[in-house]
Structure formats: C-alpha cells, structure tokens
C-alpha cells in the first residue's frame, strides 16, 4: 500500500495522477488522499498557490471542508508523523517557493513533527499564539485562518511573520 497525505483545495498542475485527483476534489471542496504513487511524475502547485497551511490532524481538514468547502484556502494534513507521500508533497511545494504555514499538536510527538517540517525552506509555524495543546482545541482559530477574507496568516509580512499590518485581506487564491 502506498503512503498517503490528505489535501483540501490544493490545485496542482502537471502529468502526475495526483494533479487530476487533487483538482477534481478541489472543484467540490472535498478532502482527498493522495498517495506516493499518485505523486510520481511531474507536478507542481498551480501558479496562484503561494501559501499552503499544513496541519497534523485530519479533524482540521474535515471541519474546514464542512464549514468552508470550496472557499477554504489550500490545506495539507500529514495525519500524524509525515509519511513519504507527505514529504514528497511538502518538499515539492517548498521547492516551488510555496510558503508553508505549519501547525501540529503541542505534545512531544507534535513538537517533533513540527521541528522536522520547519526545516523545509519557507516553512513557518502557523498561529503560534492560538490557545490549546491539541489542534482540536485550536480548531476555531485554524478554521478562521483558512477563511480567505479572515486569514491572519495571509496578512503577515515575510520580513516579520509575527506582525499583522492593516486590515484583513485574502491572499488572492480564491
């Protein structure tokens, strides 16, 4: 069985099977599992994808799909320890210049996963000031930030990721 990674509204381009699978699911705001096998071949994020949020728990992707559907900003869920499919996808996104906003449970395992993922180029921690050890406790803050018009992370400047300049705005993906 191939390793998997869960994605929501992550448009891809290229010839790898993952591109058609991800695009079809994004068309209806449905989370979908991509496999290592489906990521074989050429693929890249669509040109308008400049930021992707990454979570550990599939409950975040499920809630985002339920509440936001097609309007949800692109999300990758590693489902615990990142699999080979997750690493393939995350490295490919980072290599294409996509900024990765990463969160995980704030337990020992989550800290290890977060540290590993933050080693990727352009990866920063997502919503560091949200309360709660587990992502489920931070779910409302995460979902709010996945909402284009309300996204705090999209407004943060690259020179100071903790600074929020001016009023809320979308990152232009939708």
C-alpha atoms as a PDB file:
ATOM      1  CA  UNK A   1       0.000   0.000   0.000  1.00  0.00           C
ATOM      2  CA  UNK A   2       1.243   3.462  -0.866  1.00  0.00           C
ATOM      3  CA  UNK A   3       1.807   6.122   1.798  1.00  0.00           C
ATOM      4  CA  UNK A   4      -0.827   8.867   1.873  1.00  0.00           C
ATOM      5  CA  UNK A   5      -1.289  12.571   2.565  1.00  0.00           C
ATOM      6  CA  UNK A   6      -4.619  14.397   2.868  1.00  0.00           C
ATOM      7  CA  UNK A   7      -5.205  17.608   0.901  1.00  0.00           C
ATOM      8  CA  UNK A   8      -8.032  20.101   0.653  1.00  0.00           C
ATOM      9  CA  UNK A   9      -8.309  22.658  -2.171  1.00  0.00           C
ATOM     10  CA  UNK A  10      -4.726  22.219  -3.333  1.00  0.00           C
ATOM     11  CA  UNK A  11      -4.689  22.773  -7.097  1.00  0.00           C
ATOM     12  CA  UNK A  12      -1.784  21.076  -8.857  1.00  0.00           C
ATOM     13  CA  UNK A  13      -0.577  21.135 -12.433  1.00  0.00           C
ATOM     14  CA  UNK A  14       1.412  18.563 -14.405  1.00  0.00           C
ATOM     15  CA  UNK A  15       1.120  14.993 -15.607  1.00  0.00           C
ATOM     16  CA  UNK A  16       1.230  13.034 -12.321  1.00  0.00           C
ATOM     17  CA  UNK A  17      -2.102  11.380 -11.422  1.00  0.00           C
ATOM     18  CA  UNK A  18      -2.219  13.477  -8.217  1.00  0.00           C
ATOM     19  CA  UNK A  19      -2.888  16.584 -10.316  1.00  0.00           C
ATOM     20  CA  UNK A  20      -6.179  15.278 -11.687  1.00  0.00           C
ATOM     21  CA  UNK A  21      -7.213  13.808  -8.332  1.00  0.00           C
ATOM     22  CA  UNK A  22      -6.453  16.978  -6.347  1.00  0.00           C
ATOM     23  CA  UNK A  23      -8.084  19.247  -8.927  1.00  0.00           C
ATOM     24  CA  UNK A  24     -11.281  17.182  -9.073  1.00  0.00           C
ATOM     25  CA  UNK A  25     -11.594  17.186  -5.284  1.00  0.00           C
ATOM     26  CA  UNK A  26     -10.836  20.924  -5.044  1.00  0.00           C
ATOM     27  CA  UNK A  27     -13.618  21.567  -7.545  1.00  0.00           C
ATOM     28  CA  UNK A  28     -16.129  20.492  -4.924  1.00  0.00           C
ATOM     29  CA  UNK A  29     -14.229  21.372  -1.726  1.00  0.00           C
ATOM     30  CA  UNK A  30     -13.688  17.741  -0.777  1.00  0.00           C
ATOM     31  CA  UNK A  31     -10.603  16.495   1.116  1.00  0.00           C
ATOM     32  CA  UNK A  32      -8.790  13.748  -0.770  1.00  0.00           C
ATOM     33  CA  UNK A  33      -5.953  11.347  -0.004  1.00  0.00           C
ATOM     34  CA  UNK A  34      -3.007  11.498  -2.389  1.00  0.00           C
ATOM     35  CA  UNK A  35      -0.626   8.555  -2.476  1.00  0.00           C
ATOM     36  CA  UNK A  36       3.097   8.368  -3.074  1.00  0.00           C
ATOM     37  CA  UNK A  37       2.209   6.549  -6.278  1.00  0.00           C
ATOM     38  CA  UNK A  38      -0.087   9.332  -7.480  1.00  0.00           C
ATOM     39  CA  UNK A  39       2.682  11.889  -6.826  1.00  0.00           C
ATOM     40  CA  UNK A  40       5.087  10.055  -9.147  1.00  0.00           C
ATOM     41  CA  UNK A  41       5.736  12.050 -12.277  1.00  0.00           C
ATOM     42  CA  UNK A  42       5.740  15.745 -12.920  1.00  0.00           C
ATOM     43  CA  UNK A  43       3.618  18.013 -10.780  1.00  0.00           C
ATOM     44  CA  UNK A  44       3.763  21.496  -9.315  1.00  0.00           C
ATOM     45  CA  UNK A  45       1.407  23.787  -7.441  1.00  0.00           C
ATOM     46  CA  UNK A  46      -0.721  25.939  -9.703  1.00  0.00           C
ATOM     47  CA  UNK A  47       0.858  29.365 -10.239  1.00  0.00           C
ATOM     48  CA  UNK A  48      -1.569  31.184  -7.917  1.00  0.00           C
ATOM     49  CA  UNK A  49      -0.691  28.951  -4.940  1.00  0.00           C
ATOM     50  CA  UNK A  50       1.841  30.884  -2.901  1.00  0.00           C
ATOM     51  CA  UNK A  51       0.885  29.731   0.601  1.00  0.00           C
ATOM     52  CA  UNK A  52      -0.336  26.392   1.964  1.00  0.00           C
ATOM     53  CA  UNK A  53      -1.307  25.588   5.516  1.00  0.00           C
ATOM     54  CA  UNK A  54      -0.183  22.258   6.984  1.00  0.00           C
ATOM     55  CA  UNK A  55      -1.834  20.514   9.952  1.00  0.00           C
ATOM     56  CA  UNK A  56      -1.337  17.220  11.746  1.00  0.00           C
ATOM     57  CA  UNK A  57      -4.903  16.162  12.468  1.00  0.00           C
ATOM     58  CA  UNK A  58      -7.490  15.200   9.803  1.00  0.00           C
ATOM     59  CA  UNK A  59     -10.219  16.660  12.034  1.00  0.00           C
ATOM     60  CA  UNK A  60      -8.972  20.085  10.896  1.00  0.00           C
ATOM     61  CA  UNK A  61      -9.379  19.158   7.211  1.00  0.00           C
ATOM     62  CA  UNK A  62     -12.794  17.638   7.860  1.00  0.00           C
ATOM     63  CA  UNK A  63     -14.040  20.704   9.735  1.00  0.00           C
ATOM     64  CA  UNK A  64     -12.591  23.041   7.092  1.00  0.00           C
ATOM     65  CA  UNK A  65     -14.330  21.117   4.312  1.00  0.00           C
ATOM     66  CA  UNK A  66     -17.593  21.052   6.245  1.00  0.00           C
ATOM     67  CA  UNK A  67     -17.571  24.744   7.171  1.00  0.00           C
ATOM     68  CA  UNK A  68     -15.795  26.326   4.196  1.00  0.00           C
ATOM     69  CA  UNK A  69     -15.965  23.850   1.293  1.00  0.00           C
ATOM     70  CA  UNK A  70     -14.529  25.277  -1.938  1.00  0.00           C
ATOM     71  CA  UNK A  71     -13.716  28.613  -0.301  1.00  0.00           C
ATOM     72  CA  UNK A  72     -11.187  27.078   2.103  1.00  0.00           C
ATOM     73  CA  UNK A  73      -7.578  28.101   1.490  1.00  0.00           C
ATOM     74  CA  UNK A  74      -5.229  25.232   0.473  1.00  0.00           C
ATOM     75  CA  UNK A  75      -4.562  22.760   3.292  1.00  0.00           C
ATOM     76  CA  UNK A  76      -2.326  19.700   3.660  1.00  0.00           C
ATOM     77  CA  UNK A  77      -2.875  17.265   6.527  1.00  0.00           C
ATOM     78  CA  UNK A  78       0.015  14.973   7.432  1.00  0.00           C
ATOM     79  CA  UNK A  79      -2.131  12.712   9.663  1.00  0.00           C
ATOM     80  CA  UNK A  80       0.397  12.192  12.443  1.00  0.00           C
ATOM     81  CA  UNK A  81       4.009  11.527  11.533  1.00  0.00           C
ATOM     82  CA  UNK A  82       4.664  12.732   7.966  1.00  0.00           C
ATOM     83  CA  UNK A  83       4.622   9.817   5.507  1.00  0.00           C
ATOM     84  CA  UNK A  84       6.772   9.547   2.399  1.00  0.00           C
ATOM     85  CA  UNK A  85       3.817  10.955   0.431  1.00  0.00           C
ATOM     86  CA  UNK A  86       3.606  13.923   2.810  1.00  0.00           C
ATOM     87  CA  UNK A  87       7.350  14.579   2.489  1.00  0.00           C
ATOM     88  CA  UNK A  88       7.178  14.318  -1.308  1.00  0.00           C
ATOM     89  CA  UNK A  89       4.326  16.821  -1.417  1.00  0.00           C
ATOM     90  CA  UNK A  90       5.786  19.233   1.164  1.00  0.00           C
ATOM     91  CA  UNK A  91       9.265  19.203  -0.386  1.00  0.00           C
ATOM     92  CA  UNK A  92       7.773  19.777  -3.830  1.00  0.00           C
ATOM     93  CA  UNK A  93       5.683  22.698  -2.591  1.00  0.00           C
ATOM     94  CA  UNK A  94       8.613  24.232  -0.708  1.00  0.00           C
ATOM     95  CA  UNK A  95      10.890  23.708  -3.713  1.00  0.00           C
ATOM     96  CA  UNK A  96       8.383  25.604  -5.859  1.00  0.00           C
ATOM     97  CA  UNK A  97       8.602  28.580  -3.498  1.00  0.00           C
ATOM     98  CA  UNK A  98       5.304  27.976  -1.702  1.00  0.00           C
ATOM     99  CA  UNK A  99       5.259  29.335   1.850  1.00  0.00           C
ATOM    100  CA  UNK A 100       4.249  26.567   4.273  1.00  0.00           C
ATOM    101  CA  UNK A 101       2.400  27.518   7.464  1.00  0.00           C
ATOM    102  CA  UNK A 102       2.708  24.529   9.782  1.00  0.00           C
ATOM    103  CA  UNK A 103       0.934  23.508  12.979  1.00  0.00           C
ATOM    104  CA  UNK A 104       0.766  20.304  14.988  1.00  0.00           C
ATOM    105  CA  UNK A 105      -0.407  19.146  18.377  1.00  0.00           C
ATOM    106  CA  UNK A 106       1.705  20.702  21.100  1.00  0.00           C
ATOM    107  CA  UNK A 107       2.603  17.401  22.722  1.00  0.00           C
ATOM    108  CA  UNK A 108       6.031  15.729  22.437  1.00  0.00           C
ATOM    109  CA  UNK A 109       5.222  13.956  19.158  1.00  0.00           C
ATOM    110  CA  UNK A 110       3.708  17.092  17.641  1.00  0.00           C
ATOM    111  CA  UNK A 111       6.784  19.128  18.584  1.00  0.00           C
ATOM    112  CA  UNK A 112       8.997  16.579  16.798  1.00  0.00           C
ATOM    113  CA  UNK A 113       6.842  16.659  13.654  1.00  0.00           C
ATOM    114  CA  UNK A 114       6.735  20.458  13.732  1.00  0.00           C
ATOM    115  CA  UNK A 115      10.508  20.742  14.116  1.00  0.00           C
ATOM    116  CA  UNK A 116      11.052  18.389  11.160  1.00  0.00           C
ATOM    117  CA  UNK A 117       8.633  20.284   8.932  1.00  0.00           C
ATOM    118  CA  UNK A 118      10.018  23.685   9.895  1.00  0.00           C
ATOM    119  CA  UNK A 119      13.325  22.588   8.365  1.00  0.00           C
ATOM    120  CA  UNK A 120      11.717  22.964   4.917  1.00  0.00           C
ATOM    121  CA  UNK A 121      12.525  26.177   3.015  1.00  0.00           C
ATOM    122  CA  UNK A 122       9.849  28.813   3.586  1.00  0.00           C
ATOM    123  CA  UNK A 123       8.152  26.917   6.421  1.00  0.00           C
ATOM    124  CA  UNK A 124       6.973  28.873   9.454  1.00  0.00           C
ATOM    125  CA  UNK A 125       4.781  27.995  12.395  1.00  0.00           C
ATOM    126  CA  UNK A 126       1.071  28.660  11.888  1.00  0.00           C
ATOM    127  CA  UNK A 127      -0.886  30.584  14.556  1.00  0.00           C
ATOM    128  CA  UNK A 128       1.639  30.301  17.364  1.00  0.00           C
ATOM    129  CA  UNK A 129      -0.491  32.434  19.666  1.00  0.00           C
ATOM    130  CA  UNK A 130      -3.662  30.268  19.447  1.00  0.00           C
ATOM    131  CA  UNK A 131      -4.505  28.553  22.751  1.00  0.00           C
ATOM    132  CA  UNK A 132      -4.668  24.779  23.158  1.00  0.00           C
ATOM    133  CA  UNK A 133      -2.356  21.797  23.298  1.00  0.00           C
ATOM    134  CA  UNK A 134      -4.191  19.860  20.607  1.00  0.00           C
ATOM    135  CA  UNK A 135      -5.303  21.138  17.212  1.00  0.00           C
ATOM    136  CA  UNK A 136      -8.918  20.334  18.086  1.00  0.00           C
ATOM    137  CA  UNK A 137      -8.714  22.914  20.898  1.00  0.00           C
ATOM    138  CA  UNK A 138      -7.475  25.492  18.364  1.00  0.00           C
ATOM    139  CA  UNK A 139      -9.956  24.425  15.693  1.00  0.00           C
ATOM    140  CA  UNK A 140     -11.952  27.675  15.581  1.00  0.00           C
ATOM    141  CA  UNK A 141      -8.771  29.758  15.170  1.00  0.00           C
ATOM    142  CA  UNK A 142      -7.452  27.403  12.478  1.00  0.00           C
ATOM    143  CA  UNK A 143     -10.751  27.438  10.551  1.00  0.00           C
ATOM    144  CA  UNK A 144     -10.950  31.229  10.782  1.00  0.00           C
ATOM    145  CA  UNK A 145      -7.463  31.463   9.303  1.00  0.00           C
ATOM    146  CA  UNK A 146      -8.474  29.103   6.478  1.00  0.00           C
ATOM    147  CA  UNK A 147     -11.235  31.560   5.533  1.00  0.00           C
ATOM    148  CA  UNK A 148      -9.903  33.820   2.739  1.00  0.00           C
ATOM    149  CA  UNK A 149     -11.451  37.094   3.906  1.00  0.00           C
ATOM    150  CA  UNK A 150     -10.463  36.496   7.545  1.00  0.00           C
ATOM    151  CA  UNK A 151      -6.995  34.994   7.150  1.00  0.00           C
ATOM    152  CA  UNK A 152      -4.474  36.454   9.591  1.00  0.00           C
ATOM    153  CA  UNK A 153      -1.576  34.400   8.217  1.00  0.00           C
ATOM    154  CA  UNK A 154      -2.034  35.765   4.705  1.00  0.00           C
ATOM    155  CA  UNK A 155      -1.510  39.280   6.029  1.00  0.00           C
ATOM    156  CA  UNK A 156       1.724  38.601   7.894  1.00  0.00           C
ATOM    157  CA  UNK A 157       4.753  40.115   6.253  1.00  0.00           C
ATOM    158  CA  UNK A 158       7.657  37.919   5.197  1.00  0.00           C
ATOM    159  CA  UNK A 159      10.208  40.106   6.994  1.00  0.00           C
ATOM    160  CA  UNK A 160       8.263  39.935  10.267  1.00  0.00           C
ATOM    161  CA  UNK A 161       5.909  36.913  10.334  1.00  0.00           C
ATOM    162  CA  UNK A 162       4.548  37.968  13.731  1.00  0.00           C
ATOM    163  CA  UNK A 163       3.433  41.442  12.589  1.00  0.00           C
ATOM    164  CA  UNK A 164      -0.068  41.922  11.204  1.00  0.00           C
ATOM    165  CA  UNK A 165      -0.230  45.028   9.015  1.00  0.00           C
ATOM    166  CA  UNK A 166      -3.553  46.769   8.485  1.00  0.00           C
ATOM    167  CA  UNK A 167      -6.991  45.239   7.916  1.00  0.00           C
ATOM    168  CA  UNK A 168      -7.672  41.605   6.994  1.00  0.00           C
ATOM    169  CA  UNK A 169      -7.264  40.615   3.354  1.00  0.00           C
ATOM    170  CA  UNK A 170      -7.216  37.431   1.307  1.00  0.00           C
ATOM    171  CA  UNK A 171      -4.040  36.033  -0.213  1.00  0.00           C
ATOM    172  CA  UNK A 172      -5.793  36.040  -3.578  1.00  0.00           C
ATOM    173  CA  UNK A 173      -6.102  32.279  -4.081  1.00  0.00           C
ATOM    174  CA  UNK A 174      -9.861  32.236  -4.386  1.00  0.00           C
END
